[in-house]
């Protein structure tokens, strides 16, 4: 999977990972992929809700130790 932009939000709590992802997505083209790395456990459900609300596709979510990886496709 080709990731177009990586966003590190480790150490940040809600709503900062979502706000930073929203800003990053505005600078991207339709179809590009954004990978967000977070340490906030609440980010799992936050990104699910964010994708539904904005129309961006939540391609994948995974947990690696204490980190949560979210991959979004820009609409």
Protein backbone atom coordinates (compact mmCIF):
# COMPACT_ATOMS: atom_id res chain seq x y z
CA UNK A 1 0.00 0.00 0.00
CA UNK A 2 1.45 3.36 -1.03
CA UNK A 3 1.11 5.99 1.71
CA UNK A 4 1.16 9.55 0.40
CA UNK A 5 1.50 11.32 3.75
CA UNK A 6 2.42 10.26 7.29
CA UNK A 7 1.11 12.09 10.33
CA UNK A 8 2.57 11.47 13.79
CA UNK A 9 0.10 12.37 16.56
CA UNK A 10 1.73 10.26 19.29
CA UNK A 11 1.28 11.85 22.71
CA UNK A 12 -1.70 13.95 21.62
CA UNK A 13 -5.19 13.41 23.02
CA UNK A 14 -8.62 13.92 21.51
CA UNK A 15 -9.46 16.00 19.54
CA UNK A 16 -5.95 16.87 18.32
CA UNK A 17 -5.29 13.72 16.21
CA UNK A 18 -8.57 14.31 14.33
CA UNK A 19 -7.94 18.03 13.87
CA UNK A 20 -4.43 17.42 12.54
CA UNK A 21 -5.71 14.69 10.20
CA UNK A 22 -8.45 16.99 8.91
CA UNK A 23 -5.88 19.70 8.16
CA UNK A 24 -3.53 17.21 6.46
CA UNK A 25 -6.35 15.85 4.27
CA UNK A 26 -7.20 19.33 2.97
CA UNK A 27 -3.71 19.52 1.42
CA UNK A 28 -4.08 16.16 -0.32
CA UNK A 29 -5.67 15.09 -3.61
CA UNK A 30 -8.64 12.73 -3.98
CA UNK A 31 -7.62 9.09 -3.62
CA UNK A 32 -4.38 9.78 -1.74
CA UNK A 33 -3.68 7.89 1.48
CA UNK A 34 -2.92 9.42 4.88
CA UNK A 35 -1.46 7.30 7.68
CA UNK A 36 -2.01 8.63 11.20
CA UNK A 37 -0.07 7.15 14.13
CA UNK A 38 -1.69 7.87 17.51
CA UNK A 39 -1.31 6.76 21.12
CA UNK A 40 -4.80 7.84 22.22
CA UNK A 41 -6.95 4.68 22.53
CA UNK A 42 -10.04 6.79 21.85
CA UNK A 43 -8.69 7.56 18.39
CA UNK A 44 -9.99 4.19 17.14
CA UNK A 45 -13.64 5.18 17.49
CA UNK A 46 -12.88 8.85 16.76
CA UNK A 47 -11.49 8.04 13.31
CA UNK A 48 -14.42 5.73 12.56
CA UNK A 49 -16.83 8.58 13.32
CA UNK A 50 -14.65 11.09 11.45
CA UNK A 51 -14.70 8.95 8.30
CA UNK A 52 -18.49 8.61 8.39
CA UNK A 53 -18.99 12.34 8.93
CA UNK A 54 -16.55 13.55 6.27
CA UNK A 55 -16.93 10.91 3.55
CA UNK A 56 -13.23 10.04 3.65
CA UNK A 57 -12.67 6.28 3.57
CA UNK A 58 -11.17 4.58 6.62
CA UNK A 59 -9.12 1.99 4.74
CA UNK A 60 -7.49 0.29 7.72
CA UNK A 61 -7.01 0.46 11.47
CA UNK A 62 -4.49 -1.56 13.43
CA UNK A 63 -2.97 -1.65 16.88
CA UNK A 64 0.78 -2.10 17.26
CA UNK A 65 1.68 -2.24 20.93
CA UNK A 66 0.53 1.05 22.43
CA UNK A 67 0.13 2.73 19.04
CA UNK A 68 -2.94 2.95 16.84
CA UNK A 69 -2.50 3.22 13.08
CA UNK A 70 -5.27 4.74 10.97
CA UNK A 71 -5.17 4.87 7.18
CA UNK A 72 -7.57 7.24 5.45
CA UNK A 73 -8.25 7.72 1.74
CA UNK A 74 -9.04 11.31 0.77
CA UNK A 75 -12.45 11.65 -0.84
